[in-house]
Amino acid sequence: MSDTATLVSQRNDAASQAVSSNEPFQVRPIGGNIGAEVRGVTLSGDIDSASLEAINAALLKHKVLFFRGQSHLDDTEQEAFAARFGETVAHPTVPSKEGTSRLLELDSKHGTRANSWHTDVTFVDAYPKISILRGVVIPPAGGDTVWANTATAYTNLPDALRNLADELWALHSNVYDYAATRNTPSTDNESEREYRKQFTSTLYETEHPVVRVHPETGERTLVLGHFVQRFVGLSQRDSDRLQALFHDHVTRLENTVRWRWTQGDVAIWDNRATQHYAVADYGDAHRVVRRATVHGDVPVGIDGRKSRIVRQETRA
């Protein structure tokens, strides 16, 4: 067996040992401000209502949940499980994985390395409330994902910045300077160019309040990330500086949790209260994850105003 295959085998064996079907339902916090591992549950479309309610309660509290040893899930069962949380939705521009109705496949061979901080699909108004990601092909080393809690980020802002955020709106778009948000240079290969073309096949521009009220918890959360083009009423120069300032508060290490994937892991996050970043530190190794998303509601700011689409245009 090759060294790479040995590492992959060891990593997956560890995952299998981490979850026992006889273990009672447990929620074990990982980070002080975000993230918990859930044990003693088998995810499926037939999961019982009590377990589903317990998962949802833990999700609202911890923002992102991790489940080891879920290799029994296939594409169909992942979609069925996601549907237990509400109506599932396909990505608005990128075609779903072949053979599925709404799963988005993120394959490193096709230029889909989401290595910049973002909240999923905020360029539309009612962006997903929950994302469910399954590890399909995991590199022997690297390829972790990091999440940040945008509720605690808001709470911990200095008073002056919090008051400013309360008043701000931001324009989000799927046409953005992707290279500028990355810490590594673009490979600019044909697969990456084709993916970018698909991603921007319909141009979206949406204005969101920078601070939204969470519809289930009542928390105030920051709506930012790499889809932000600028703040409404501010110049691009001022917007860039202010965005960097807020970004530093959201992504400070004390406000994050990092997950080391093994094949068959599942991560579920509250997309209304988090940002995330897929760490692209695995070189030419192959990484494939598949994401199901649950339809969200239109954000409401603290003054009661709702987000609004200002542009939606199919590109030739």
Protein backbone atom coordinates (compact mmCIF):
# COMPACT_ATOMS: atom_id res chain seq x y z
CA MET A 1 0.00 0.00 0.00
CA SER A 2 1.31 3.48 -0.87
CA ASP A 3 2.05 6.05 1.82
CA THR A 4 -0.89 8.14 0.60
CA ALA A 5 -3.28 5.18 0.72
CA THR A 6 -2.04 4.30 4.21
CA LEU A 7 -2.70 7.84 5.46
CA VAL A 8 -6.19 7.84 3.95
CA SER A 9 -6.92 4.44 5.52
CA GLN A 10 -5.71 5.58 8.95
CA ARG A 11 -7.80 8.74 8.74
CA ASN A 12 -10.94 6.83 7.80
CA ASP A 13 -10.35 4.15 10.47
CA ALA A 14 -10.18 6.92 13.07
CA ALA A 15 -13.51 8.26 11.86
CA SER A 16 -15.15 4.84 12.07
CA GLN A 17 -13.92 4.40 15.64
CA ALA A 18 -15.20 7.85 16.64
CA VAL A 19 -18.88 6.90 16.24
CA SER A 20 -20.56 3.84 17.67
CA SER A 21 -24.12 2.88 16.86
CA ASN A 22 -24.54 1.95 20.54
CA GLU A 23 -23.39 5.33 21.81
CA PRO A 24 -26.17 7.59 23.12
CA PHE A 25 -26.88 10.92 21.42
CA GLN A 26 -24.20 13.36 22.56
CA VAL A 27 -23.26 16.92 21.61
CA ARG A 28 -19.63 17.71 22.41
CA PRO A 29 -18.52 21.33 21.93
CA ILE A 30 -15.26 21.78 20.05
CA GLY A 31 -14.62 25.51 20.13
CA GLY A 32 -15.44 28.00 22.83
CA ASN A 33 -17.63 30.11 20.52
CA ILE A 34 -18.61 27.79 17.68
CA GLY A 35 -18.76 24.15 16.67
CA ALA A 36 -19.76 20.81 18.22
CA GLU A 37 -19.40 17.15 17.29
CA VAL A 38 -22.56 15.06 17.50
CA ARG A 39 -22.23 11.36 18.32
CA GLY A 40 -24.65 8.50 18.59
CA VAL A 41 -26.86 9.36 15.62
CA THR A 42 -27.16 7.93 12.11
CA LEU A 43 -28.19 10.52 9.56
CA SER A 44 -30.85 9.58 7.01
CA GLY A 45 -34.06 10.73 5.43
CA ASP A 46 -35.88 8.53 7.94
CA ILE A 47 -34.27 10.02 11.04
CA ASP A 48 -36.77 10.21 13.90
CA SER A 49 -38.35 13.52 14.78
CA ALA A 50 -36.82 13.66 18.28
CA SER A 51 -33.28 13.32 16.90
CA LEU A 52 -34.00 15.89 14.21
CA GLU A 53 -35.27 18.38 16.78
CA ALA A 54 -32.22 17.76 18.95
CA ILE A 55 -29.91 18.35 15.97
CA ASN A 56 -31.69 21.58 15.07
CA ALA A 57 -31.49 22.85 18.66
CA ALA A 58 -27.77 22.06 18.78
CA LEU A 59 -27.29 23.75 15.42
CA LEU A 60 -28.89 26.97 16.60
CA LYS A 61 -26.66 26.95 19.68
CA HIS A 62 -23.32 25.86 18.16
CA LYS A 63 -23.79 27.17 14.56
CA VAL A 64 -21.96 24.21 12.95
CA LEU A 65 -22.23 20.51 13.78
CA PHE A 66 -19.95 17.64 12.76
CA PHE A 67 -20.87 13.97 12.34
CA ARG A 68 -18.22 11.26 11.90
CA GLY A 69 -18.83 7.83 10.41
CA GLN A 70 -21.72 8.64 8.05
CA SER A 71 -20.33 6.68 5.07
CA HIS A 72 -23.69 4.96 4.61
CA LEU A 73 -25.03 8.19 3.08
CA ASP A 74 -25.22 8.33 -0.70
CA ASP A 75 -26.40 11.25 -2.82
CA THR A 76 -30.06 10.29 -2.59
CA GLU A 77 -30.01 9.81 1.16
CA GLN A 78 -28.12 13.07 1.70
CA GLU A 79 -30.81 14.93 -0.23
CA ALA A 80 -33.54 13.13 1.71
CA PHE A 81 -31.94 14.03 5.03
CA ALA A 82 -31.57 17.68 4.00
CA ALA A 83 -35.25 17.79 3.05
CA ARG A 84 -36.17 17.05 6.67
CA PHE A 85 -35.06 20.61 7.51
CA GLY A 86 -37.21 22.23 4.83
CA GLU A 87 -37.37 22.76 1.10
CA THR A 88 -34.04 21.99 -0.56
CA VAL A 89 -32.77 24.23 -3.34
CA ALA A 90 -30.25 23.88 -6.15
CA HIS A 91 -27.46 26.38 -6.69
CA PRO A 92 -28.90 29.30 -8.70
CA THR A 93 -26.25 29.14 -11.45
CA VAL A 94 -24.06 26.02 -11.17
CA PRO A 95 -25.67 22.79 -12.49
CA SER A 96 -26.42 20.12 -9.90
CA LYS A 97 -24.38 16.93 -9.82
CA GLU A 98 -25.52 14.53 -12.53
CA GLY A 99 -28.01 12.02 -11.20
CA THR A 100 -29.16 14.27 -8.34
CA SER A 101 -31.89 16.84 -8.18
CA ARG A 102 -30.15 19.58 -6.18
CA LEU A 103 -26.72 18.52 -4.89
CA LEU A 104 -23.77 20.78 -5.62
CA GLU A 105 -20.50 18.92 -6.14
CA LEU A 106 -17.30 20.74 -5.25
CA ASP A 107 -14.47 18.92 -7.01
CA SER A 108 -10.92 20.25 -6.77
CA LYS A 109 -10.17 18.93 -10.27
CA HIS A 110 -12.80 21.25 -11.71
CA GLY A 111 -11.58 24.48 -10.19
CA THR A 112 -13.98 24.51 -7.24
CA ARG A 113 -11.75 25.43 -4.31
CA ALA A 114 -13.73 27.77 -2.07
CA ASN A 115 -10.66 29.11 -0.27
CA SER A 116 -12.00 32.51 0.70
CA TRP A 117 -14.32 33.56 3.51
CA HIS A 118 -18.00 33.57 2.56
CA THR A 119 -21.57 32.79 3.51
CA ASP A 120 -23.22 30.60 0.87
CA VAL A 121 -25.07 32.33 -1.98
CA THR A 122 -25.62 35.75 -0.37
CA PHE A 123 -25.87 37.26 -3.85
CA VAL A 124 -29.58 36.27 -3.83
CA ASP A 125 -32.15 37.58 -1.38
CA ALA A 126 -33.41 34.42 0.35
CA TYR A 127 -30.05 32.66 0.57
CA PRO A 128 -29.93 29.17 2.17
CA LYS A 129 -30.60 28.84 5.88
CA ILE A 130 -28.75 25.53 6.27
CA SER A 131 -25.95 23.84 4.31
CA ILE A 132 -25.14 20.13 4.65
CA LEU A 133 -21.73 19.05 3.35
CA ARG A 134 -20.56 15.43 2.94
CA GLY A 135 -16.95 14.34 2.52
CA VAL A 136 -16.68 12.04 -0.52
CA VAL A 137 -12.98 12.11 -1.49
CA ILE A 138 -10.67 13.49 1.19
CA PRO A 139 -6.93 14.24 0.76
CA PRO A 140 -4.55 12.33 3.04
CA ALA A 141 -3.51 15.65 4.56
CA GLY A 142 -4.96 19.14 4.39
CA GLY A 143 -8.31 20.19 2.99
CA ASP A 144 -9.79 21.29 6.34
CA THR A 145 -12.71 23.72 6.54
CA VAL A 146 -12.92 26.62 9.00
CA TRP A 147 -16.12 28.29 10.19
CA ALA A 148 -16.64 31.63 11.96
CA ASN A 149 -19.56 32.70 14.15
CA THR A 150 -21.10 35.93 12.83
CA ALA A 151 -23.38 36.30 15.86
CA THR A 152 -20.55 36.46 18.40
CA ALA A 153 -18.58 38.59 15.92
CA TYR A 154 -21.37 41.16 16.03
CA THR A 155 -21.74 41.00 19.81
CA ASN A 156 -18.00 41.47 20.35
CA LEU A 157 -17.66 44.49 18.07
CA PRO A 158 -16.68 47.72 19.84
CA ASP A 159 -19.77 49.84 20.47
CA ALA A 160 -18.88 52.38 17.77
CA LEU A 161 -18.41 49.70 15.10
CA ARG A 162 -21.57 47.88 16.19
CA ASN A 163 -23.60 51.07 15.90
CA LEU A 164 -22.13 51.68 12.45
CA ALA A 165 -22.89 48.12 11.31
CA ASP A 166 -26.50 48.55 12.44
CA GLU A 167 -26.96 51.32 9.88
CA LEU A 168 -25.09 49.79 6.92
CA TRP A 169 -26.33 47.94 3.86
CA ALA A 170 -24.08 46.07 1.44
CA LEU A 171 -24.34 45.12 -2.21
CA HIS A 172 -23.61 41.41 -2.79
CA SER A 173 -22.92 39.91 -6.24
CA ASN A 174 -21.75 36.63 -7.75
CA VAL A 175 -19.52 38.65 -10.09
CA TYR A 176 -16.60 39.55 -7.88
CA ASP A 177 -12.81 39.61 -7.92
CA TYR A 178 -12.21 36.02 -6.87
CA ALA A 179 -8.42 36.28 -7.19
CA ALA A 180 -8.36 39.21 -4.78
CA THR A 181 -9.98 37.13 -2.03
CA ARG A 182 -7.53 34.23 -2.27
CA ASN A 183 -4.23 33.75 -0.49
CA THR A 184 -2.90 31.60 -3.32
CA PRO A 185 -2.64 32.57 -7.01
CA SER A 186 -5.24 31.29 -9.44
CA THR A 187 -4.14 28.40 -11.65
CA ASP A 188 -6.27 29.93 -14.42
CA ASN A 189 -6.76 26.52 -16.03
CA GLU A 190 -9.58 25.61 -18.39
CA SER A 191 -11.64 23.86 -15.70
CA GLU A 192 -11.45 26.87 -13.40
CA ARG A 193 -12.40 29.27 -16.20
CA GLU A 194 -15.37 27.09 -17.15
CA TYR A 195 -16.57 26.94 -13.55
CA ARG A 196 -16.33 30.72 -13.21
CA LYS A 197 -18.33 31.07 -16.44
CA GLN A 198 -21.07 28.82 -15.05
CA PHE A 199 -21.03 30.59 -11.71
CA THR A 200 -21.70 33.96 -13.35
CA SER A 201 -24.07 32.72 -16.10
CA THR A 202 -26.77 34.80 -14.43
CA LEU A 203 -25.68 38.04 -12.81
CA TYR A 204 -27.17 38.71 -9.40
CA GLU A 205 -26.89 41.85 -7.31
CA THR A 206 -28.68 42.00 -3.97
CA GLU A 207 -28.65 44.52 -1.14
CA HIS A 208 -28.62 43.08 2.38
CA PRO A 209 -28.53 44.79 5.75
CA VAL A 210 -25.08 44.24 7.24
CA VAL A 211 -26.86 43.18 10.43
CA ARG A 212 -29.78 40.79 10.15
CA VAL A 213 -32.06 39.46 12.87
CA HIS A 214 -31.95 35.67 13.03
CA PRO A 215 -35.53 34.42 12.48
CA GLU A 216 -35.27 31.58 15.02
CA THR A 217 -32.95 32.83 17.77
CA GLY A 218 -33.45 36.59 17.54
CA GLU A 219 -29.66 37.05 17.51
CA ARG A 220 -28.11 39.77 15.41
CA THR A 221 -25.62 38.42 12.88
CA LEU A 222 -23.29 40.02 10.34
CA VAL A 223 -24.04 39.43 6.65
CA LEU A 224 -20.67 39.86 4.95
CA GLY A 225 -18.09 37.68 3.13
CA HIS A 226 -16.48 37.67 -0.29
CA PHE A 227 -19.70 38.32 -2.24
CA VAL A 228 -19.81 41.87 -0.85
CA GLN A 229 -18.90 44.37 -3.57
CA ARG A 230 -19.32 47.57 -1.59
CA PHE A 231 -21.36 49.25 1.10
CA VAL A 232 -24.36 51.24 -0.09
CA GLY A 233 -23.62 54.96 -0.03
CA LEU A 234 -19.85 54.55 0.36
CA SER A 235 -17.06 54.73 -2.20
CA GLN A 236 -15.22 51.58 -3.26
CA ARG A 237 -12.11 52.75 -1.40
CA ASP A 238 -13.98 53.30 1.86
CA SER A 239 -15.95 50.08 1.38
CA ASP A 240 -12.79 48.01 0.97
CA ARG A 241 -11.24 49.42 4.12
CA LEU A 242 -14.39 48.98 6.17
CA GLN A 243 -14.96 45.46 4.86
CA ALA A 244 -11.41 44.51 5.91
CA LEU A 245 -12.03 45.90 9.38
CA PHE A 246 -15.23 43.91 9.90
CA HIS A 247 -13.61 40.83 8.34
CA ASP A 248 -10.82 40.89 10.94
CA HIS A 249 -13.39 40.80 13.73
CA VAL A 250 -15.39 37.94 12.16
CA THR A 251 -12.39 35.69 11.48
CA ARG A 252 -10.29 36.18 14.62
CA LEU A 253 -9.14 32.75 15.79
CA GLU A 254 -11.18 32.85 19.01
CA ASN A 255 -14.31 33.10 16.88
CA THR A 256 -13.59 30.08 14.65
CA VAL A 257 -13.53 26.29 14.58
CA ARG A 258 -11.52 24.08 12.20
CA TRP A 259 -12.58 20.61 11.06
CA ARG A 260 -10.23 17.92 9.80
CA TRP A 261 -12.25 15.86 7.33
CA THR A 262 -12.36 12.11 6.92
CA GLN A 263 -14.33 10.29 4.25
CA GLY A 264 -17.99 10.02 5.25
CA ASP A 265 -17.97 13.03 7.57
CA VAL A 266 -20.94 15.39 7.43
CA ALA A 267 -20.93 19.04 8.48
CA ILE A 268 -24.14 21.01 8.96
CA TRP A 269 -24.03 24.76 9.48
CA ASP A 270 -26.44 27.59 10.07
CA ASN A 271 -25.74 29.69 6.98
CA ARG A 272 -27.55 32.64 8.57
CA ALA A 273 -24.97 32.90 11.37
CA THR A 274 -21.64 31.76 9.93
CA GLN A 275 -18.95 32.26 7.34
CA HIS A 276 -16.61 29.49 6.21
CA TYR A 277 -13.36 28.90 4.34
CA ALA A 278 -12.11 25.69 2.64
CA VAL A 279 -8.36 25.51 3.19
CA ALA A 280 -6.61 24.71 -0.12
CA ASP A 281 -3.39 23.28 1.31
CA TYR A 282 -3.50 19.83 -0.30
CA GLY A 283 -1.65 20.54 -3.56
CA ASP A 284 -2.61 18.22 -6.40
CA ALA A 285 -4.43 15.75 -4.16
CA HIS A 286 -8.07 15.13 -5.02
CA ARG A 287 -10.86 16.53 -2.85
CA VAL A 288 -14.60 16.09 -3.48
CA VAL A 289 -17.42 17.23 -1.21
CA ARG A 290 -21.13 17.47 -1.99
CA ARG A 291 -23.47 20.06 -0.57
CA ALA A 292 -27.21 20.12 -0.04
CA THR A 293 -28.84 23.41 0.90
CA VAL A 294 -32.14 24.27 2.55
CA HIS A 295 -34.13 27.28 1.37
CA GLY A 296 -33.88 30.33 3.59
CA ASP A 297 -35.97 33.42 4.20
CA VAL A 298 -35.29 36.99 3.13
CA PRO A 299 -33.12 38.68 5.79
CA VAL A 300 -34.68 41.40 7.92
CA GLY A 301 -32.57 44.20 9.34
CA ILE A 302 -32.95 45.59 12.84
CA ASP A 303 -35.16 48.38 11.44
CA GLY A 304 -37.55 45.85 9.87
CA ARG A 305 -36.46 46.43 6.26
CA LYS A 306 -35.91 43.34 4.11
CA SER A 307 -33.13 42.51 1.66
CA ARG A 308 -33.87 43.22 -1.98
CA ILE A 309 -32.66 42.02 -5.37
CA VAL A 310 -31.55 45.00 -7.44
CA ARG A 311 -30.39 43.12 -10.53
CA GLN A 312 -30.86 39.68 -12.09
CA GLU A 313 -29.66 39.29 -15.63
CA THR A 314 -28.85 36.24 -17.75
CA ARG A 315 -25.53 36.67 -19.49
CA ALA A 316 -24.88 35.61 -23.08
